[in-house]
């Protein structure tokens, strides 16, 4: 196993080696998503792309459980997400429903609901977790 120790991460442009940007390593570590996933939530749920997500469980209509590959150290992580498309009528848009978010260190449960609070399966769901 290799270890790289540094206090700052720095970029330099090819055009001008004096033109640099840097940030503390803690900004990179603490500011990066610890898990994210884009998945199809209709029919047989399927992950399109992701990081630190082992699988998706279709709990019930419009409700999914995101299972992390590596568990978080506690449940104080932040979850954000979005839904692609609409369900329940052409003018009824869906979003992640905050009433249905349930977190453990190894999973997060999210729901997709329309403006009336009705849960719907969605063709595109995005979930991101920060710790």
N, C-alpha and C. Protein backbone atom coordinates (compact mmCIF):
# COMPACT_ATOMS: atom_id res chain seq x y z
N UNK A 1 0.84 -1.18 0.00
CA UNK A 1 0.00 0.00 0.00
C UNK A 1 0.88 1.24 0.00
N UNK A 2 0.53 2.21 -0.82
CA UNK A 2 1.28 3.46 -0.90
C UNK A 2 0.54 4.56 -0.16
N UNK A 3 1.29 5.48 0.40
CA UNK A 3 0.72 6.63 1.09
C UNK A 3 1.30 7.89 0.51
N UNK A 4 0.42 8.82 0.16
CA UNK A 4 0.83 10.13 -0.34
C UNK A 4 0.41 11.15 0.70
N UNK A 5 1.37 11.91 1.23
CA UNK A 5 1.06 12.92 2.23
C UNK A 5 1.34 14.29 1.63
N UNK A 6 0.34 15.17 1.72
CA UNK A 6 0.49 16.52 1.21
C UNK A 6 -0.49 17.43 1.95
N UNK A 7 -0.17 18.71 1.99
CA UNK A 7 -1.03 19.67 2.67
C UNK A 7 -1.94 20.41 1.72
N UNK A 8 -1.55 20.51 0.44
CA UNK A 8 -2.34 21.23 -0.55
C UNK A 8 -2.34 20.47 -1.87
N UNK A 9 -3.40 20.66 -2.63
CA UNK A 9 -3.50 20.15 -3.99
C UNK A 9 -3.40 21.36 -4.89
N UNK A 10 -2.56 21.27 -5.92
CA UNK A 10 -2.27 22.43 -6.76
C UNK A 10 -2.40 22.06 -8.23
N UNK A 11 -2.98 22.96 -9.02
CA UNK A 11 -3.04 22.77 -10.47
C UNK A 11 -2.23 23.86 -11.15
N UNK A 12 -1.63 23.52 -12.25
CA UNK A 12 -0.86 24.48 -13.04
C UNK A 12 -1.30 24.35 -14.49
N UNK A 13 -1.57 25.48 -15.14
CA UNK A 13 -1.95 25.42 -16.55
C UNK A 13 -0.71 25.26 -17.40
N UNK A 14 -0.87 24.63 -18.54
CA UNK A 14 0.24 24.43 -19.47
C UNK A 14 0.68 25.76 -20.07
N UNK A 15 -0.27 26.66 -20.32
CA UNK A 15 0.04 27.94 -20.96
C UNK A 15 0.95 28.80 -20.11
N UNK A 16 0.77 28.78 -18.81
CA UNK A 16 1.56 29.64 -17.96
C UNK A 16 1.80 28.93 -16.62
N UNK A 17 2.99 28.43 -16.43
CA UNK A 17 3.30 27.68 -15.22
C UNK A 17 3.17 28.51 -13.96
N UNK A 18 3.07 29.83 -14.08
CA UNK A 18 2.89 30.67 -12.91
C UNK A 18 1.42 30.81 -12.53
N UNK A 19 0.52 30.45 -13.46
CA UNK A 19 -0.91 30.54 -13.22
C UNK A 19 -1.35 29.26 -12.50
N UNK A 20 -1.46 29.34 -11.19
CA UNK A 20 -1.79 28.15 -10.40
C UNK A 20 -2.98 28.40 -9.49
N UNK A 21 -3.64 27.33 -9.12
CA UNK A 21 -4.71 27.35 -8.14
C UNK A 21 -4.40 26.25 -7.15
N UNK A 22 -4.69 26.49 -5.88
CA UNK A 22 -4.47 25.44 -4.89
C UNK A 22 -5.56 25.50 -3.84
N UNK A 23 -5.73 24.38 -3.16
CA UNK A 23 -6.69 24.28 -2.06
C UNK A 23 -6.16 23.27 -1.05
N UNK A 24 -6.58 23.42 0.17
CA UNK A 24 -6.17 22.48 1.21
C UNK A 24 -6.74 21.10 0.90
N UNK A 25 -6.00 20.06 1.22
CA UNK A 25 -6.44 18.69 0.97
C UNK A 25 -7.75 18.41 1.70
N UNK A 26 -7.94 18.99 2.88
CA UNK A 26 -9.20 18.77 3.61
C UNK A 26 -10.40 19.27 2.83
N UNK A 27 -10.24 20.31 2.00
CA UNK A 27 -11.34 20.79 1.16
C UNK A 27 -11.73 19.74 0.13
N UNK A 28 -10.75 19.06 -0.41
CA UNK A 28 -11.01 18.01 -1.40
C UNK A 28 -11.67 16.81 -0.73
N UNK A 29 -11.15 16.41 0.40
CA UNK A 29 -11.68 15.24 1.10
C UNK A 29 -13.08 15.52 1.64
N UNK A 30 -13.26 16.64 2.33
CA UNK A 30 -14.54 16.94 2.96
C UNK A 30 -15.57 17.50 1.99
N UNK A 31 -15.16 18.01 0.86
CA UNK A 31 -16.09 18.61 -0.09
C UNK A 31 -16.52 17.68 -1.20
N UNK A 32 -16.01 16.47 -1.21
CA UNK A 32 -16.33 15.52 -2.27
C UNK A 32 -17.48 14.62 -1.85
N UNK A 33 -18.27 14.22 -2.83
CA UNK A 33 -19.36 13.28 -2.55
C UNK A 33 -18.76 11.95 -2.12
N UNK A 34 -19.30 11.37 -1.07
CA UNK A 34 -18.83 10.07 -0.57
C UNK A 34 -19.59 8.93 -1.24
N UNK A 35 -20.73 9.25 -1.86
CA UNK A 35 -21.50 8.27 -2.63
C UNK A 35 -22.44 9.03 -3.56
N UNK A 36 -22.66 8.49 -4.75
CA UNK A 36 -23.65 9.06 -5.66
C UNK A 36 -24.12 7.97 -6.61
N UNK A 37 -25.34 8.16 -7.13
CA UNK A 37 -25.88 7.18 -8.06
C UNK A 37 -26.92 7.83 -8.97
N UNK A 38 -26.95 7.38 -10.20
CA UNK A 38 -27.98 7.71 -11.17
C UNK A 38 -28.60 6.37 -11.55
N UNK A 39 -29.93 6.23 -11.35
CA UNK A 39 -30.55 4.94 -11.66
C UNK A 39 -31.92 5.09 -12.28
N UNK A 40 -32.34 4.02 -12.98
CA UNK A 40 -33.66 3.90 -13.55
C UNK A 40 -34.56 3.35 -12.46
N UNK A 41 -35.62 4.07 -12.12
CA UNK A 41 -36.50 3.64 -11.06
C UNK A 41 -37.81 3.05 -11.53
N UNK A 42 -37.94 2.74 -12.82
CA UNK A 42 -39.15 2.12 -13.34
C UNK A 42 -38.87 0.69 -13.75
N UNK A 43 -39.89 -0.16 -13.66
CA UNK A 43 -39.70 -1.57 -14.02
C UNK A 43 -38.69 -2.21 -13.08
N UNK A 44 -37.70 -2.88 -13.66
CA UNK A 44 -36.61 -3.44 -12.87
C UNK A 44 -35.59 -2.33 -12.65
N UNK A 45 -35.43 -1.89 -11.40
CA UNK A 45 -34.51 -0.79 -11.13
C UNK A 45 -33.10 -1.19 -11.52
N UNK A 46 -32.36 -0.21 -12.06
CA UNK A 46 -31.01 -0.51 -12.52
C UNK A 46 -30.13 0.72 -12.39
N UNK A 47 -28.93 0.51 -11.86
CA UNK A 47 -27.95 1.59 -11.74
C UNK A 47 -27.36 1.89 -13.11
N UNK A 48 -27.39 3.16 -13.49
CA UNK A 48 -26.75 3.59 -14.74
C UNK A 48 -25.27 3.90 -14.48
N UNK A 49 -25.03 4.62 -13.39
CA UNK A 49 -23.67 4.99 -13.04
C UNK A 49 -23.67 5.38 -11.57
N UNK A 50 -22.51 5.23 -10.91
CA UNK A 50 -22.47 5.59 -9.51
C UNK A 50 -21.10 5.41 -8.91
N UNK A 51 -21.00 5.80 -7.65
CA UNK A 51 -19.77 5.67 -6.88
C UNK A 51 -20.15 5.30 -5.45
N UNK A 52 -19.55 4.26 -4.91
CA UNK A 52 -19.78 3.77 -3.55
C UNK A 52 -21.22 3.35 -3.33
N UNK A 53 -21.89 2.89 -4.38
CA UNK A 53 -23.24 2.35 -4.28
C UNK A 53 -23.21 0.93 -4.83
N UNK A 54 -23.58 -0.05 -3.97
CA UNK A 54 -23.52 -1.45 -4.38
C UNK A 54 -24.78 -1.90 -5.10
N UNK A 55 -25.94 -1.34 -4.70
CA UNK A 55 -27.20 -1.76 -5.31
C UNK A 55 -28.31 -0.79 -4.94
N UNK A 56 -29.44 -0.94 -5.64
CA UNK A 56 -30.66 -0.19 -5.37
C UNK A 56 -31.75 -1.21 -5.08
N UNK A 57 -32.55 -0.95 -4.05
CA UNK A 57 -33.68 -1.82 -3.74
C UNK A 57 -34.97 -1.06 -4.03
N UNK A 58 -35.86 -1.67 -4.80
CA UNK A 58 -37.17 -1.10 -5.08
C UNK A 58 -38.09 -1.49 -3.91
N UNK A 59 -38.32 -0.55 -2.99
CA UNK A 59 -39.07 -0.84 -1.76
C UNK A 59 -40.56 -0.95 -2.05
N UNK A 60 -41.10 0.08 -2.69
CA UNK A 60 -42.50 0.13 -3.08
C UNK A 60 -42.62 1.22 -4.14
N UNK A 61 -43.81 1.48 -4.62
CA UNK A 61 -43.99 2.49 -5.66
C UNK A 61 -43.36 3.82 -5.25
N UNK A 62 -42.40 4.28 -6.03
CA UNK A 62 -41.76 5.57 -5.79
C UNK A 62 -40.80 5.63 -4.62
N UNK A 63 -40.50 4.51 -3.99
CA UNK A 63 -39.59 4.50 -2.84
C UNK A 63 -38.47 3.51 -3.11
N UNK A 64 -37.24 3.97 -2.90
CA UNK A 64 -36.05 3.18 -3.20
C UNK A 64 -35.08 3.24 -2.03
N UNK A 65 -34.28 2.20 -1.90
CA UNK A 65 -33.22 2.19 -0.91
C UNK A 65 -31.89 2.10 -1.64
N UNK A 66 -31.01 3.05 -1.36
CA UNK A 66 -29.67 3.08 -1.93
C UNK A 66 -28.74 2.40 -0.93
N UNK A 67 -28.06 1.35 -1.38
CA UNK A 67 -27.17 0.57 -0.51
C UNK A 67 -25.72 0.94 -0.80
N UNK A 68 -25.00 1.39 0.22
CA UNK A 68 -23.63 1.84 0.05
C UNK A 68 -22.65 0.67 0.08
N UNK A 69 -21.62 0.75 -0.73
CA UNK A 69 -20.55 -0.25 -0.74
C UNK A 69 -19.75 -0.16 0.55
N UNK A 70 -19.34 1.05 0.90
CA UNK A 70 -18.63 1.31 2.16
C UNK A 70 -19.53 2.17 3.04
N UNK A 71 -19.82 1.70 4.23
CA UNK A 71 -20.73 2.40 5.14
C UNK A 71 -20.14 3.72 5.61
N UNK A 72 -21.01 4.66 5.95
CA UNK A 72 -20.61 5.91 6.56
C UNK A 72 -20.29 5.65 8.04
N UNK A 73 -19.55 6.54 8.67
CA UNK A 73 -19.18 6.36 10.08
C UNK A 73 -20.34 6.69 11.02
N UNK A 74 -21.31 7.50 10.55
CA UNK A 74 -22.50 7.83 11.34
C UNK A 74 -23.60 8.26 10.39
N UNK A 75 -24.76 8.61 10.91
CA UNK A 75 -25.89 9.00 10.05
C UNK A 75 -26.03 10.51 9.88
N UNK A 76 -24.98 11.25 10.19
CA UNK A 76 -25.02 12.71 10.06
C UNK A 76 -24.61 13.19 8.68
N UNK A 77 -24.69 12.34 7.68
CA UNK A 77 -24.34 12.76 6.32
C UNK A 77 -25.53 13.47 5.66
N UNK A 78 -25.23 14.21 4.63
CA UNK A 78 -26.22 15.01 3.91
C UNK A 78 -26.62 14.27 2.63
N UNK A 79 -27.91 14.21 2.35
CA UNK A 79 -28.42 13.56 1.15
C UNK A 79 -29.14 14.59 0.30
N UNK A 80 -28.78 14.67 -0.97
CA UNK A 80 -29.48 15.52 -1.93
C UNK A 80 -29.80 14.68 -3.15
N UNK A 81 -30.77 15.13 -3.91
CA UNK A 81 -31.11 14.36 -5.09
C UNK A 81 -32.01 15.12 -6.04
N UNK A 82 -32.27 14.48 -7.16
CA UNK A 82 -33.17 15.05 -8.15
C UNK A 82 -33.82 13.93 -8.93
N UNK A 83 -34.89 14.28 -9.60
CA UNK A 83 -35.64 13.34 -10.41
C UNK A 83 -35.67 13.87 -11.83
N UNK A 84 -35.48 12.99 -12.78
CA UNK A 84 -35.52 13.37 -14.20
C UNK A 84 -36.88 12.97 -14.74
N UNK A 85 -37.64 13.94 -15.23
CA UNK A 85 -38.93 13.64 -15.82
C UNK A 85 -40.07 13.96 -14.88
N UNK A 86 -41.26 13.51 -15.27
CA UNK A 86 -42.45 13.74 -14.46
C UNK A 86 -43.34 12.51 -14.53
N UNK A 87 -44.17 12.36 -13.53
CA UNK A 87 -45.14 11.27 -13.49
C UNK A 87 -46.44 11.79 -12.91
N UNK A 88 -47.51 11.11 -13.20
CA UNK A 88 -48.79 11.48 -12.61
C UNK A 88 -49.48 12.59 -13.37
N UNK A 89 -49.14 12.83 -14.60
CA UNK A 89 -49.77 13.88 -15.40
C UNK A 89 -48.72 14.80 -15.97
N UNK A 90 -49.00 15.40 -17.10
CA UNK A 90 -48.00 16.21 -17.80
C UNK A 90 -47.58 17.44 -17.01
N UNK A 91 -48.41 17.94 -16.11
CA UNK A 91 -48.03 19.13 -15.34
C UNK A 91 -47.72 18.80 -13.88
N UNK A 92 -47.58 17.52 -13.57
CA UNK A 92 -47.30 17.11 -12.20
C UNK A 92 -45.87 16.63 -12.13
N UNK A 93 -44.97 17.47 -11.67
CA UNK A 93 -43.56 17.14 -11.63
C UNK A 93 -43.20 16.46 -10.32
N UNK A 94 -42.19 15.64 -10.37
CA UNK A 94 -41.78 14.89 -9.18
C UNK A 94 -40.43 15.38 -8.68
N UNK A 95 -40.20 15.13 -7.40
CA UNK A 95 -38.92 15.44 -6.79
C UNK A 95 -38.68 14.44 -5.67
N UNK A 96 -37.46 14.44 -5.12
CA UNK A 96 -37.22 13.59 -3.96
C UNK A 96 -38.09 14.10 -2.83
N UNK A 97 -38.75 13.20 -2.18
CA UNK A 97 -39.70 13.53 -1.13
C UNK A 97 -39.02 13.43 0.23
N UNK A 98 -38.77 14.56 0.88
CA UNK A 98 -38.06 14.61 2.16
C UNK A 98 -38.74 13.84 3.27
N UNK A 99 -40.03 13.62 3.16
CA UNK A 99 -40.74 12.86 4.20
C UNK A 99 -40.35 11.39 4.20
N UNK A 100 -39.80 10.92 3.10
CA UNK A 100 -39.48 9.51 2.97
C UNK A 100 -38.00 9.19 3.13
N UNK A 101 -37.18 10.19 3.44
CA UNK A 101 -35.75 9.94 3.60
C UNK A 101 -35.51 9.27 4.95
N UNK A 102 -34.86 8.14 4.92
CA UNK A 102 -34.53 7.39 6.14
C UNK A 102 -33.09 6.92 5.99
N UNK A 103 -32.21 7.30 6.92
CA UNK A 103 -30.78 7.01 6.79
C UNK A 103 -30.31 6.03 7.85
N UNK A 104 -29.44 5.10 7.41
CA UNK A 104 -28.62 4.30 8.31
C UNK A 104 -27.19 4.52 7.82
N UNK A 105 -26.21 3.91 8.46
CA UNK A 105 -24.83 4.09 7.99
C UNK A 105 -24.59 3.36 6.68
N UNK A 106 -25.42 2.38 6.34
CA UNK A 106 -25.18 1.59 5.13
C UNK A 106 -26.22 1.78 4.04
N UNK A 107 -27.33 2.51 4.33
CA UNK A 107 -28.37 2.72 3.32
C UNK A 107 -29.04 4.08 3.53
N UNK A 108 -29.65 4.55 2.45
CA UNK A 108 -30.55 5.70 2.56
C UNK A 108 -31.79 5.37 1.74
N UNK A 109 -32.95 5.61 2.32
CA UNK A 109 -34.21 5.37 1.63
C UNK A 109 -34.74 6.72 1.15
N UNK A 110 -35.13 6.80 -0.12
CA UNK A 110 -35.66 8.03 -0.69
C UNK A 110 -36.96 7.73 -1.41
N UNK A 111 -37.81 8.73 -1.49
CA UNK A 111 -39.06 8.61 -2.22
C UNK A 111 -39.16 9.69 -3.27
N UNK A 112 -39.89 9.41 -4.33
CA UNK A 112 -40.13 10.37 -5.41
C UNK A 112 -41.61 10.68 -5.45
N UNK A 113 -41.98 11.94 -5.22
CA UNK A 113 -43.39 12.31 -5.13
C UNK A 113 -43.71 13.50 -6.01
N UNK A 114 -44.98 13.59 -6.41
CA UNK A 114 -45.42 14.75 -7.18
C UNK A 114 -45.79 15.88 -6.23
N UNK A 115 -46.30 16.98 -6.75
CA UNK A 115 -46.64 18.14 -5.93
C UNK A 115 -47.72 17.85 -4.90
N UNK A 116 -48.52 16.82 -5.16
CA UNK A 116 -49.58 16.44 -4.22
C UNK A 116 -49.09 15.46 -3.17
N UNK A 117 -47.83 15.03 -3.24
CA UNK A 117 -47.28 14.09 -2.29
C UNK A 117 -47.48 12.64 -2.65
N UNK A 118 -48.02 12.37 -3.85
CA UNK A 118 -48.23 10.99 -4.29
C UNK A 118 -46.92 10.43 -4.82
N UNK A 119 -46.54 9.26 -4.33
CA UNK A 119 -45.30 8.62 -4.76
C UNK A 119 -45.45 7.98 -6.13
N UNK A 120 -44.43 8.14 -6.99
CA UNK A 120 -44.42 7.58 -8.33
C UNK A 120 -43.04 7.01 -8.63
N UNK A 121 -43.00 5.89 -9.37
CA UNK A 121 -41.74 5.40 -9.91
C UNK A 121 -41.24 6.40 -10.94
N UNK A 122 -39.92 6.58 -11.00
CA UNK A 122 -39.33 7.56 -11.90
C UNK A 122 -38.30 6.91 -12.81
N UNK A 123 -38.23 7.38 -14.04
CA UNK A 123 -37.27 6.86 -15.01
C UNK A 123 -35.84 7.27 -14.73
N UNK A 124 -35.66 8.36 -14.03
CA UNK A 124 -34.31 8.83 -13.70
C UNK A 124 -34.26 9.41 -12.31
N UNK A 125 -33.47 8.81 -11.44
CA UNK A 125 -33.32 9.29 -10.07
C UNK A 125 -31.83 9.49 -9.79
N UNK A 126 -31.49 10.61 -9.18
CA UNK A 126 -30.11 10.92 -8.80
C UNK A 126 -30.06 11.16 -7.31
N UNK A 127 -29.13 10.48 -6.63
CA UNK A 127 -28.96 10.64 -5.18
C UNK A 127 -27.48 10.84 -4.90
N UNK A 128 -27.14 11.85 -4.07
CA UNK A 128 -25.78 12.14 -3.71
C UNK A 128 -25.69 12.25 -2.20
N UNK A 129 -24.64 11.67 -1.61
CA UNK A 129 -24.45 11.74 -0.16
C UNK A 129 -23.08 12.35 0.15
N UNK A 130 -23.08 13.33 1.04
CA UNK A 130 -21.87 14.00 1.50
C UNK A 130 -21.69 13.77 2.99
N UNK A 131 -20.44 13.57 3.43
CA UNK A 131 -20.18 13.41 4.86
C UNK A 131 -19.13 14.39 5.30
